Amino acid sequence: MTAVPESPAALTSFDLDRAWGVHPSVAVRPEPFGALLYHFGTRRLSFLKDPTLLSVVTTLADHPSARAALAASGADVTQQRRLARALATLASTEMITERTEASR
């Protein structure tokens, strides 16, 4: 993934136990290398080169929390830590957003 977090605080404020999903203004386009995420509001691009991360991102809405999505991915603990950092970066760039009760 190539997105850079807005700030170190953004990484520490990401809550794995909350419900997350792809931002409504983001399109996920499969590519041979993984996927391209494009935010129509901010005009930002992110590249997902890890198939497990792509799977987690595209199934976030199917799980009650980001932690549950990571567990369902089959990733081991070390991989889950790396994926959690990537999710935090995606959240800081508004590619994924916390789901509210209304959007669940």
PDB file of N, CA and C in Angstrom:
ATOM      1  N   MET A   1       0.829  -1.161   0.000  1.00  0.00           N
ATOM      2  CA  MET A   1       0.000   0.000   0.000  1.00  0.00           C
ATOM      3  C   MET A   1       0.881   1.234   0.000  1.00  0.00           C
ATOM      4  N   THR A   2       0.487   2.267  -0.704  1.00  0.00           N
ATOM      5  CA  THR A   2       1.349   3.426  -0.833  1.00  0.00           C
ATOM      6  C   THR A   2       0.864   4.651  -0.079  1.00  0.00           C
ATOM      7  N   ALA A   3      -0.318   4.618   0.491  1.00  0.00           N
ATOM      8  CA  ALA A   3      -0.828   5.788   1.204  1.00  0.00           C
ATOM      9  C   ALA A   3       0.006   6.054   2.449  1.00  0.00           C
ATOM     10  N   VAL A   4       0.191   7.329   2.758  1.00  0.00           N
ATOM     11  CA  VAL A   4       0.948   7.730   3.943  1.00  0.00           C
ATOM     12  C   VAL A   4      -0.039   8.287   4.951  1.00  0.00           C
ATOM     13  N   PRO A   5       0.023   7.851   6.207  1.00  0.00           N
ATOM     14  CA  PRO A   5      -0.935   8.341   7.188  1.00  0.00           C
ATOM     15  C   PRO A   5      -0.786   9.839   7.402  1.00  0.00           C
ATOM     16  N   GLU A   6      -1.891  10.474   7.750  1.00  0.00           N
ATOM     17  CA  GLU A   6      -1.887  11.905   8.014  1.00  0.00           C
ATOM     18  C   GLU A   6      -0.978  12.240   9.190  1.00  0.00           C
ATOM     19  N   SER A   7      -1.035  11.438  10.243  1.00  0.00           N
ATOM     20  CA  SER A   7      -0.217  11.708  11.423  1.00  0.00           C
ATOM     21  C   SER A   7      -0.048  10.428  12.215  1.00  0.00           C
ATOM     22  N   PRO A   8       0.981  10.359  13.082  1.00  0.00           N
ATOM     23  CA  PRO A   8       1.128   9.181  13.932  1.00  0.00           C
ATOM     24  C   PRO A   8      -0.086   8.972  14.827  1.00  0.00           C
ATOM     25  N   ALA A   9      -0.740  10.053  15.234  1.00  0.00           N
ATOM     26  CA  ALA A   9      -1.927   9.930  16.078  1.00  0.00           C
ATOM     27  C   ALA A   9      -3.042   9.183  15.362  1.00  0.00           C
ATOM     28  N   ALA A  10      -3.130   9.341  14.042  1.00  0.00           N
ATOM     29  CA  ALA A  10      -4.162   8.648  13.280  1.00  0.00           C
ATOM     30  C   ALA A  10      -3.986   7.143  13.379  1.00  0.00           C
ATOM     31  N   LEU A  11      -2.741   6.693  13.432  1.00  0.00           N
ATOM     32  CA  LEU A  11      -2.487   5.259  13.540  1.00  0.00           C
ATOM     33  C   LEU A  11      -2.886   4.729  14.902  1.00  0.00           C
ATOM     34  N   THR A  12      -2.662   5.507  15.954  1.00  0.00           N
ATOM     35  CA  THR A  12      -2.983   5.028  17.294  1.00  0.00           C
ATOM     36  C   THR A  12      -4.459   5.174  17.611  1.00  0.00           C
ATOM     37  N   SER A  13      -5.188   6.010  16.865  1.00  0.00           N
ATOM     38  CA  SER A  13      -6.605   6.200  17.148  1.00  0.00           C
ATOM     39  C   SER A  13      -7.486   5.195  16.409  1.00  0.00           C
ATOM     40  N   PHE A  14      -6.917   4.382  15.559  1.00  0.00           N
ATOM     41  CA  PHE A  14      -7.695   3.383  14.828  1.00  0.00           C
ATOM     42  C   PHE A  14      -8.126   2.290  15.792  1.00  0.00           C
ATOM     43  N   ASP A  15      -9.427   2.052  15.888  1.00  0.00           N
ATOM     44  CA  ASP A  15      -9.976   1.082  16.834  1.00  0.00           C
ATOM     45  C   ASP A  15     -10.414  -0.174  16.084  1.00  0.00           C
ATOM     46  N   LEU A  16      -9.679  -1.246  16.289  1.00  0.00           N
ATOM     47  CA  LEU A  16      -9.995  -2.520  15.630  1.00  0.00           C
ATOM     48  C   LEU A  16     -11.333  -3.093  16.066  1.00  0.00           C
ATOM     49  N   ASP A  17     -11.813  -2.680  17.227  1.00  0.00           N
ATOM     50  CA  ASP A  17     -13.049  -3.251  17.753  1.00  0.00           C
ATOM     51  C   ASP A  17     -14.299  -2.517  17.270  1.00  0.00           C
ATOM     52  N   ARG A  18     -14.125  -1.542  16.449  1.00  0.00           N
ATOM     53  CA  ARG A  18     -15.268  -0.830  15.860  1.00  0.00           C
ATOM     54  C   ARG A  18     -15.556  -1.380  14.467  1.00  0.00           C
ATOM     55  N   ALA A  19     -16.757  -1.083  13.990  1.00  0.00           N
ATOM     56  CA  ALA A  19     -17.174  -1.529  12.662  1.00  0.00           C
ATOM     57  C   ALA A  19     -16.665  -0.542  11.613  1.00  0.00           C
ATOM     58  N   TRP A  20     -16.067  -1.065  10.554  1.00  0.00           N
ATOM     59  CA  TRP A  20     -15.496  -0.249   9.480  1.00  0.00           C
ATOM     60  C   TRP A  20     -16.006  -0.748   8.142  1.00  0.00           C
ATOM     61  N   GLY A  21     -15.905   0.087   7.140  1.00  0.00           N
ATOM     62  CA  GLY A  21     -16.266  -0.296   5.782  1.00  0.00           C
ATOM     63  C   GLY A  21     -15.595   0.633   4.791  1.00  0.00           C
ATOM     64  N   VAL A  22     -15.638   0.258   3.544  1.00  0.00           N
ATOM     65  CA  VAL A  22     -15.099   1.114   2.489  1.00  0.00           C
ATOM     66  C   VAL A  22     -15.952   2.383   2.442  1.00  0.00           C
ATOM     67  N   HIS A  23     -15.306   3.532   2.390  1.00  0.00           N
ATOM     68  CA  HIS A  23     -16.004   4.816   2.339  1.00  0.00           C
ATOM     69  C   HIS A  23     -16.956   4.819   1.144  1.00  0.00           C
ATOM     70  N   PRO A  24     -18.159   5.382   1.307  1.00  0.00           N
ATOM     71  CA  PRO A  24     -19.119   5.386   0.191  1.00  0.00           C
ATOM     72  C   PRO A  24     -18.608   6.082  -1.076  1.00  0.00           C
ATOM     73  N   SER A  25     -17.644   6.974  -0.944  1.00  0.00           N
ATOM     74  CA  SER A  25     -17.102   7.684  -2.108  1.00  0.00           C
ATOM     75  C   SER A  25     -15.883   6.999  -2.709  1.00  0.00           C
ATOM     76  N   VAL A  26     -15.598   5.782  -2.254  1.00  0.00           N
ATOM     77  CA  VAL A  26     -14.411   5.060  -2.729  1.00  0.00           C
ATOM     78  C   VAL A  26     -14.823   3.919  -3.652  1.00  0.00           C
ATOM     79  N   ALA A  27     -14.142   3.839  -4.775  1.00  0.00           N
ATOM     80  CA  ALA A  27     -14.319   2.720  -5.700  1.00  0.00           C
ATOM     81  C   ALA A  27     -13.115   1.799  -5.561  1.00  0.00           C
ATOM     82  N   VAL A  28     -13.393   0.500  -5.526  1.00  0.00           N
ATOM     83  CA  VAL A  28     -12.335  -0.513  -5.464  1.00  0.00           C
ATOM     84  C   VAL A  28     -12.300  -1.187  -6.831  1.00  0.00           C
ATOM     85  N   ARG A  29     -11.165  -1.061  -7.501  1.00  0.00           N
ATOM     86  CA  ARG A  29     -11.029  -1.648  -8.834  1.00  0.00           C
ATOM     87  C   ARG A  29      -9.968  -2.735  -8.804  1.00  0.00           C
ATOM     88  N   PRO A  30     -10.373  -3.981  -9.042  1.00  0.00           N
ATOM     89  CA  PRO A  30      -9.386  -5.065  -9.095  1.00  0.00           C
ATOM     90  C   PRO A  30      -8.378  -4.821 -10.217  1.00  0.00           C
ATOM     91  N   GLU A  31      -7.140  -5.141  -9.929  1.00  0.00           N
ATOM     92  CA  GLU A  31      -6.046  -4.997 -10.887  1.00  0.00           C
ATOM     93  C   GLU A  31      -5.177  -6.246 -10.807  1.00  0.00           C
ATOM     94  N   PRO A  32      -4.353  -6.511 -11.811  1.00  0.00           N
ATOM     95  CA  PRO A  32      -3.471  -7.688 -11.760  1.00  0.00           C
ATOM     96  C   PRO A  32      -2.559  -7.704 -10.528  1.00  0.00           C
ATOM     97  N   PHE A  33      -2.173  -6.524 -10.036  1.00  0.00           N
ATOM     98  CA  PHE A  33      -1.280  -6.452  -8.874  1.00  0.00           C
ATOM     99  C   PHE A  33      -2.035  -6.525  -7.558  1.00  0.00           C
ATOM    100  N   GLY A  34      -3.358  -6.408  -7.579  1.00  0.00           N
ATOM    101  CA  GLY A  34      -4.182  -6.385  -6.369  1.00  0.00           C
ATOM    102  C   GLY A  34      -5.421  -5.552  -6.611  1.00  0.00           C
ATOM    103  N   ALA A  35      -5.361  -4.273  -6.186  1.00  0.00           N
ATOM    104  CA  ALA A  35      -6.507  -3.393  -6.418  1.00  0.00           C
ATOM    105  C   ALA A  35      -6.086  -1.937  -6.315  1.00  0.00           C
ATOM    106  N   LEU A  36      -6.895  -1.120  -6.936  1.00  0.00           N
ATOM    107  CA  LEU A  36      -6.739   0.321  -6.888  1.00  0.00           C
ATOM    108  C   LEU A  36      -7.952   0.873  -6.153  1.00  0.00           C
ATOM    109  N   LEU A  37      -7.727   1.729  -5.167  1.00  0.00           N
ATOM    110  CA  LEU A  37      -8.806   2.408  -4.466  1.00  0.00           C
ATOM    111  C   LEU A  37      -8.764   3.871  -4.882  1.00  0.00           C
ATOM    112  N   TYR A  38      -9.913   4.388  -5.302  1.00  0.00           N
ATOM    113  CA  TYR A  38      -9.985   5.794  -5.702  1.00  0.00           C
ATOM    114  C   TYR A  38     -11.085   6.459  -4.903  1.00  0.00           C
ATOM    115  N   HIS A  39     -10.741   7.556  -4.225  1.00  0.00           N
ATOM    116  CA  HIS A  39     -11.709   8.324  -3.447  1.00  0.00           C
ATOM    117  C   HIS A  39     -12.172   9.487  -4.320  1.00  0.00           C
ATOM    118  N   PHE A  40     -13.444   9.482  -4.693  1.00  0.00           N
ATOM    119  CA  PHE A  40     -13.966  10.511  -5.584  1.00  0.00           C
ATOM    120  C   PHE A  40     -14.034  11.880  -4.918  1.00  0.00           C
ATOM    121  N   GLY A  41     -14.123  11.926  -3.592  1.00  0.00           N
ATOM    122  CA  GLY A  41     -14.175  13.202  -2.884  1.00  0.00           C
ATOM    123  C   GLY A  41     -12.815  13.857  -2.746  1.00  0.00           C
ATOM    124  N   THR A  42     -11.832  13.080  -2.330  1.00  0.00           N
ATOM    125  CA  THR A  42     -10.492  13.637  -2.093  1.00  0.00           C
ATOM    126  C   THR A  42      -9.575  13.492  -3.300  1.00  0.00           C
ATOM    127  N   ARG A  43      -9.995  12.670  -4.256  1.00  0.00           N
ATOM    128  CA  ARG A  43      -9.230  12.366  -5.468  1.00  0.00           C
ATOM    129  C   ARG A  43      -7.918  11.640  -5.160  1.00  0.00           C
ATOM    130  N   ARG A  44      -7.890  10.949  -4.045  1.00  0.00           N
ATOM    131  CA  ARG A  44      -6.694  10.179  -3.678  1.00  0.00           C
ATOM    132  C   ARG A  44      -6.769   8.772  -4.259  1.00  0.00           C
ATOM    133  N   LEU A  45      -5.593   8.229  -4.498  1.00  0.00           N
ATOM    134  CA  LEU A  45      -5.457   6.841  -4.939  1.00  0.00           C
ATOM    135  C   LEU A  45      -4.685   6.059  -3.887  1.00  0.00           C
ATOM    136  N   SER A  46      -5.077   4.818  -3.694  1.00  0.00           N
ATOM    137  CA  SER A  46      -4.281   3.887  -2.889  1.00  0.00           C
ATOM    138  C   SER A  46      -4.174   2.595  -3.676  1.00  0.00           C
ATOM    139  N   PHE A  47      -3.025   1.970  -3.568  1.00  0.00           N
ATOM    140  CA  PHE A  47      -2.783   0.702  -4.241  1.00  0.00           C
ATOM    141  C   PHE A  47      -2.687  -0.383  -3.183  1.00  0.00           C
ATOM    142  N   LEU A  48      -3.486  -1.424  -3.344  1.00  0.00           N
ATOM    143  CA  LEU A  48      -3.415  -2.569  -2.442  1.00  0.00           C
ATOM    144  C   LEU A  48      -2.725  -3.695  -3.199  1.00  0.00           C
ATOM    145  N   LYS A  49      -1.544  -4.055  -2.725  1.00  0.00           N
ATOM    146  CA  LYS A  49      -0.759  -5.087  -3.401  1.00  0.00           C
ATOM    147  C   LYS A  49      -0.803  -6.420  -2.667  1.00  0.00           C
ATOM    148  N   ASP A  50      -1.400  -6.430  -1.485  1.00  0.00           N
ATOM    149  CA  ASP A  50      -1.474  -7.631  -0.663  1.00  0.00           C
ATOM    150  C   ASP A  50      -2.874  -8.236  -0.803  1.00  0.00           C
ATOM    151  N   PRO A  51      -2.984  -9.464  -1.316  1.00  0.00           N
ATOM    152  CA  PRO A  51      -4.303 -10.069  -1.512  1.00  0.00           C
ATOM    153  C   PRO A  51      -5.091 -10.225  -0.210  1.00  0.00           C
ATOM    154  N   THR A  52      -4.392 -10.468   0.890  1.00  0.00           N
ATOM    155  CA  THR A  52      -5.092 -10.603   2.167  1.00  0.00           C
ATOM    156  C   THR A  52      -5.669  -9.262   2.594  1.00  0.00           C
ATOM    157  N   LEU A  53      -4.906  -8.189   2.433  1.00  0.00           N
ATOM    158  CA  LEU A  53      -5.418  -6.857   2.762  1.00  0.00           C
ATOM    159  C   LEU A  53      -6.624  -6.526   1.891  1.00  0.00           C
ATOM    160  N   LEU A  54      -6.553  -6.829   0.617  1.00  0.00           N
ATOM    161  CA  LEU A  54      -7.681  -6.583  -0.278  1.00  0.00           C
ATOM    162  C   LEU A  54      -8.914  -7.340   0.205  1.00  0.00           C
ATOM    163  N   SER A  55      -8.739  -8.588   0.586  1.00  0.00           N
ATOM    164  CA  SER A  55      -9.848  -9.388   1.093  1.00  0.00           C
ATOM    165  C   SER A  55     -10.437  -8.775   2.361  1.00  0.00           C
ATOM    166  N   VAL A  56      -9.573  -8.342   3.270  1.00  0.00           N
ATOM    167  CA  VAL A  56     -10.049  -7.728   4.516  1.00  0.00           C
ATOM    168  C   VAL A  56     -10.826  -6.452   4.201  1.00  0.00           C
ATOM    169  N   VAL A  57     -10.277  -5.598   3.369  1.00  0.00           N
ATOM    170  CA  VAL A  57     -10.924  -4.321   3.043  1.00  0.00           C
ATOM    171  C   VAL A  57     -12.291  -4.549   2.405  1.00  0.00           C
ATOM    172  N   THR A  58     -12.369  -5.477   1.467  1.00  0.00           N
ATOM    173  CA  THR A  58     -13.633  -5.687   0.752  1.00  0.00           C
ATOM    174  C   THR A  58     -14.670  -6.437   1.577  1.00  0.00           C
ATOM    175  N   THR A  59     -14.260  -7.035   2.693  1.00  0.00           N
ATOM    176  CA  THR A  59     -15.226  -7.743   3.542  1.00  0.00           C
ATOM    177  C   THR A  59     -15.449  -7.056   4.887  1.00  0.00           C
ATOM    178  N   LEU A  60     -14.876  -5.884   5.090  1.00  0.00           N
ATOM    179  CA  LEU A  60     -15.072  -5.176   6.361  1.00  0.00           C
ATOM    180  C   LEU A  60     -16.551  -5.030   6.709  1.00  0.00           C
ATOM    181  N   ALA A  61     -17.371  -4.693   5.737  1.00  0.00           N
ATOM    182  CA  ALA A  61     -18.797  -4.465   5.993  1.00  0.00           C
ATOM    183  C   ALA A  61     -19.534  -5.736   6.392  1.00  0.00           C
ATOM    184  N   ASP A  62     -18.937  -6.892   6.139  1.00  0.00           N
ATOM    185  CA  ASP A  62     -19.563  -8.168   6.486  1.00  0.00           C
ATOM    186  C   ASP A  62     -19.274  -8.597   7.915  1.00  0.00           C
ATOM    187  N   HIS A  63     -18.467  -7.840   8.626  1.00  0.00           N
ATOM    188  CA  HIS A  63     -18.032  -8.221   9.968  1.00  0.00           C
ATOM    189  C   HIS A  63     -18.383  -7.134  10.974  1.00  0.00           C
ATOM    190  N   PRO A  64     -18.597  -7.527  12.227  1.00  0.00           N
ATOM    191  CA  PRO A  64     -18.961  -6.541  13.257  1.00  0.00           C
ATOM    192  C   PRO A  64     -17.818  -5.613  13.652  1.00  0.00           C
ATOM    193  N   SER A  65     -16.594  -5.976  13.304  1.00  0.00           N
ATOM    194  CA  SER A  65     -15.441  -5.141  13.654  1.00  0.00           C
ATOM    195  C   SER A  65     -14.291  -5.441  12.698  1.00  0.00           C
ATOM    196  N   ALA A  66     -13.327  -4.534  12.692  1.00  0.00           N
ATOM    197  CA  ALA A  66     -12.125  -4.767  11.890  1.00  0.00           C
ATOM    198  C   ALA A  66     -11.369  -5.976  12.429  1.00  0.00           C
ATOM    199  N   ARG A  67     -11.371  -6.136  13.749  1.00  0.00           N
ATOM    200  CA  ARG A  67     -10.696  -7.289  14.357  1.00  0.00           C
ATOM    201  C   ARG A  67     -11.316  -8.595  13.852  1.00  0.00           C
ATOM    202  N   ALA A  68     -12.639  -8.637  13.751  1.00  0.00           N
ATOM    203  CA  ALA A  68     -13.323  -9.839  13.254  1.00  0.00           C
ATOM    204  C   ALA A  68     -12.979 -10.094  11.786  1.00  0.00           C
ATOM    205  N   ALA A  69     -12.877  -9.034  11.004  1.00  0.00           N
ATOM    206  CA  ALA A  69     -12.503  -9.188   9.590  1.00  0.00           C
ATOM    207  C   ALA A  69     -11.085  -9.732   9.472  1.00  0.00           C
ATOM    208  N   LEU A  70     -10.184  -9.246  10.324  1.00  0.00           N
ATOM    209  CA  LEU A  70      -8.807  -9.752  10.315  1.00  0.00           C
ATOM    210  C   LEU A  70      -8.769 -11.224  10.700  1.00  0.00           C
ATOM    211  N   ALA A  71      -9.524 -11.590  11.726  1.00  0.00           N
ATOM    212  CA  ALA A  71      -9.554 -12.987  12.168  1.00  0.00           C
ATOM    213  C   ALA A  71     -10.105 -13.889  11.066  1.00  0.00           C
ATOM    214  N   ALA A  72     -11.135 -13.418  10.373  1.00  0.00           N
ATOM    215  CA  ALA A  72     -11.744 -14.213   9.306  1.00  0.00           C
ATOM    216  C   ALA A  72     -10.816 -14.376   8.109  1.00  0.00           C
ATOM    217  N   SER A  73      -9.842 -13.501   7.979  1.00  0.00           N
ATOM    218  CA  SER A  73      -8.924 -13.564   6.836  1.00  0.00           C
ATOM    219  C   SER A  73      -7.977 -14.755   6.910  1.00  0.00           C
ATOM    220  N   GLY A  74      -7.830 -15.324   8.098  1.00  0.00           N
ATOM    221  CA  GLY A  74      -6.911 -16.439   8.270  1.00  0.00           C
ATOM    222  C   GLY A  74      -5.474 -16.015   8.479  1.00  0.00           C
ATOM    223  N   ALA A  75      -5.239 -14.719   8.582  1.00  0.00           N
ATOM    224  CA  ALA A  75      -3.878 -14.209   8.795  1.00  0.00           C
ATOM    225  C   ALA A  75      -3.409 -14.545  10.203  1.00  0.00           C
ATOM    226  N   ASP A  76      -2.113 -14.844  10.336  1.00  0.00           N
ATOM    227  CA  ASP A  76      -1.570 -15.108  11.669  1.00  0.00           C
ATOM    228  C   ASP A  76      -1.400 -13.779  12.416  1.00  0.00           C
ATOM    229  N   VAL A  77      -1.019 -13.854  13.682  1.00  0.00           N
ATOM    230  CA  VAL A  77      -0.940 -12.667  14.538  1.00  0.00           C
ATOM    231  C   VAL A  77       0.013 -11.619  13.968  1.00  0.00           C
ATOM    232  N   THR A  78       1.159 -12.038  13.477  1.00  0.00           N
ATOM    233  CA  THR A  78       2.120 -11.092  12.903  1.00  0.00           C
ATOM    234  C   THR A  78       1.527 -10.404  11.681  1.00  0.00           C
ATOM    235  N   GLN A  79       0.890 -11.168  10.814  1.00  0.00           N
ATOM    236  CA  GLN A  79       0.248 -10.590   9.628  1.00  0.00           C
ATOM    237  C   GLN A  79      -0.883  -9.650  10.033  1.00  0.00           C
ATOM    238  N   GLN A  80      -1.646 -10.036  11.065  1.00  0.00           N
ATOM    239  CA  GLN A  80      -2.756  -9.195  11.509  1.00  0.00           C
ATOM    240  C   GLN A  80      -2.262  -7.839  11.999  1.00  0.00           C
ATOM    241  N   ARG A  81      -1.122  -7.799  12.673  1.00  0.00           N
ATOM    242  CA  ARG A  81      -0.563  -6.513  13.120  1.00  0.00           C
ATOM    243  C   ARG A  81      -0.222  -5.633  11.917  1.00  0.00           C
ATOM    244  N   ARG A  82       0.398  -6.237  10.921  1.00  0.00           N
ATOM    245  CA  ARG A  82       0.760  -5.494   9.706  1.00  0.00           C
ATOM    246  C   ARG A  82      -0.493  -5.005   8.979  1.00  0.00           C
ATOM    247  N   LEU A  83      -1.489  -5.869   8.894  1.00  0.00           N
ATOM    248  CA  LEU A  83      -2.737  -5.498   8.233  1.00  0.00           C
ATOM    249  C   LEU A  83      -3.471  -4.412   9.012  1.00  0.00           C
ATOM    250  N   ALA A  84      -3.418  -4.472  10.338  1.00  0.00           N
ATOM    251  CA  ALA A  84      -4.061  -3.444  11.167  1.00  0.00           C
ATOM    252  C   ALA A  84      -3.419  -2.080  10.920  1.00  0.00           C
ATOM    253  N   ARG A  85      -2.101  -2.056  10.771  1.00  0.00           N
ATOM    254  CA  ARG A  85      -1.421  -0.789  10.452  1.00  0.00           C
ATOM    255  C   ARG A  85      -1.871  -0.270   9.084  1.00  0.00           C
ATOM    256  N   ALA A  86      -2.029  -1.171   8.132  1.00  0.00           N
ATOM    257  CA  ALA A  86      -2.495  -0.767   6.799  1.00  0.00           C
ATOM    258  C   ALA A  86      -3.927  -0.234   6.871  1.00  0.00           C
ATOM    259  N   LEU A  87      -4.778  -0.876   7.669  1.00  0.00           N
ATOM    260  CA  LEU A  87      -6.147  -0.387   7.835  1.00  0.00           C
ATOM    261  C   LEU A  87      -6.158   0.992   8.480  1.00  0.00           C
ATOM    262  N   ALA A  88      -5.283   1.203   9.450  1.00  0.00           N
ATOM    263  CA  ALA A  88      -5.186   2.518  10.095  1.00  0.00           C
ATOM    264  C   ALA A  88      -4.793   3.583   9.077  1.00  0.00           C
ATOM    265  N   THR A  89      -3.882   3.247   8.192  1.00  0.00           N
ATOM    266  CA  THR A  89      -3.486   4.183   7.143  1.00  0.00           C
ATOM    267  C   THR A  89      -4.660   4.468   6.211  1.00  0.00           C
ATOM    268  N   LEU A  90      -5.381   3.428   5.834  1.00  0.00           N
ATOM    269  CA  LEU A  90      -6.547   3.621   4.964  1.00  0.00           C
ATOM    270  C   LEU A  90      -7.610   4.474   5.655  1.00  0.00           C
ATOM    271  N   ALA A  91      -7.771   4.304   6.958  1.00  0.00           N
ATOM    272  CA  ALA A  91      -8.728   5.130   7.703  1.00  0.00           C
ATOM    273  C   ALA A  91      -8.268   6.583   7.744  1.00  0.00           C
ATOM    274  N   SER A  92      -6.975   6.798   7.929  1.00  0.00           N
ATOM    275  CA  SER A  92      -6.457   8.168   8.016  1.00  0.00           C
ATOM    276  C   SER A  92      -6.575   8.916   6.691  1.00  0.00           C
ATOM    277  N   THR A  93      -6.669   8.181   5.596  1.00  0.00           N
ATOM    278  CA  THR A  93      -6.827   8.802   4.280  1.00  0.00           C
ATOM    279  C   THR A  93      -8.268   8.708   3.780  1.00  0.00           C
ATOM    280  N   GLU A  94      -9.176   8.289   4.665  1.00  0.00           N
ATOM    281  CA  GLU A  94     -10.614   8.210   4.387  1.00  0.00           C
ATOM    282  C   GLU A  94     -10.986   7.204   3.310  1.00  0.00           C
ATOM    283  N   MET A  95     -10.137   6.218   3.083  1.00  0.00           N
ATOM    284  CA  MET A  95     -10.493   5.150   2.149  1.00  0.00           C
ATOM    285  C   MET A  95     -11.482   4.186   2.811  1.00  0.00           C
ATOM    286  N   ILE A  96     -11.314   3.991   4.114  1.00  0.00           N
ATOM    287  CA  ILE A  96     -12.299   3.248   4.892  1.00  0.00           C
ATOM    288  C   ILE A  96     -12.801   4.194   5.967  1.00  0.00           C
ATOM    289  N   THR A  97     -14.006   3.937   6.422  1.00  0.00           N
ATOM    290  CA  THR A  97     -14.617   4.805   7.419  1.00  0.00           C
ATOM    291  C   THR A  97     -15.363   3.960   8.439  1.00  0.00           C
ATOM    292  N   GLU A  98     -15.465   4.502   9.634  1.00  0.00           N
ATOM    293  CA  GLU A  98     -16.201   3.797  10.677  1.00  0.00           C
ATOM    294  C   GLU A  98     -17.674   3.761  10.296  1.00  0.00           C
ATOM    295  N   ARG A  99     -18.289   2.581  10.460  1.00  0.00           N
ATOM    296  CA  ARG A  99     -19.712   2.441  10.164  1.00  0.00           C
ATOM    297  C   ARG A  99     -20.518   2.874  11.378  1.00  0.00           C
ATOM    298  N   THR A 100     -21.607   3.537  11.110  1.00  0.00           N
ATOM    299  CA  THR A 100     -22.529   3.918  12.178  1.00  0.00           C
ATOM    300  C   THR A 100     -23.647   2.886  12.227  1.00  0.00           C
ATOM    301  N   GLU A 101     -24.465   2.969  13.255  1.00  0.00           N
ATOM    302  CA  GLU A 101     -25.600   2.044  13.369  1.00  0.00           C
ATOM    303  C   GLU A 101     -26.480   2.117  12.118  1.00  0.00           C
ATOM    304  N   ALA A 102     -26.671   3.320  11.591  1.00  0.00           N
ATOM    305  CA  ALA A 102     -27.530   3.497  10.416  1.00  0.00           C
ATOM    306  C   ALA A 102     -26.960   2.830   9.170  1.00  0.00           C
ATOM    307  N   SER A 103     -25.636   2.722   9.090  1.00  0.00           N
ATOM    308  CA  SER A 103     -25.025   2.158   7.877  1.00  0.00           C
ATOM    309  C   SER A 103     -24.739   0.671   7.985  1.00  0.00           C
ATOM    310  N   ARG A 104     -25.075   0.068   9.104  1.00  0.00           N
ATOM    311  CA  ARG A 104     -24.787  -1.365   9.280  1.00  0.00           C
ATOM    312  C   ARG A 104     -25.837  -2.238   8.692  1.00  0.00           C
TER     313      ARG A 104
END
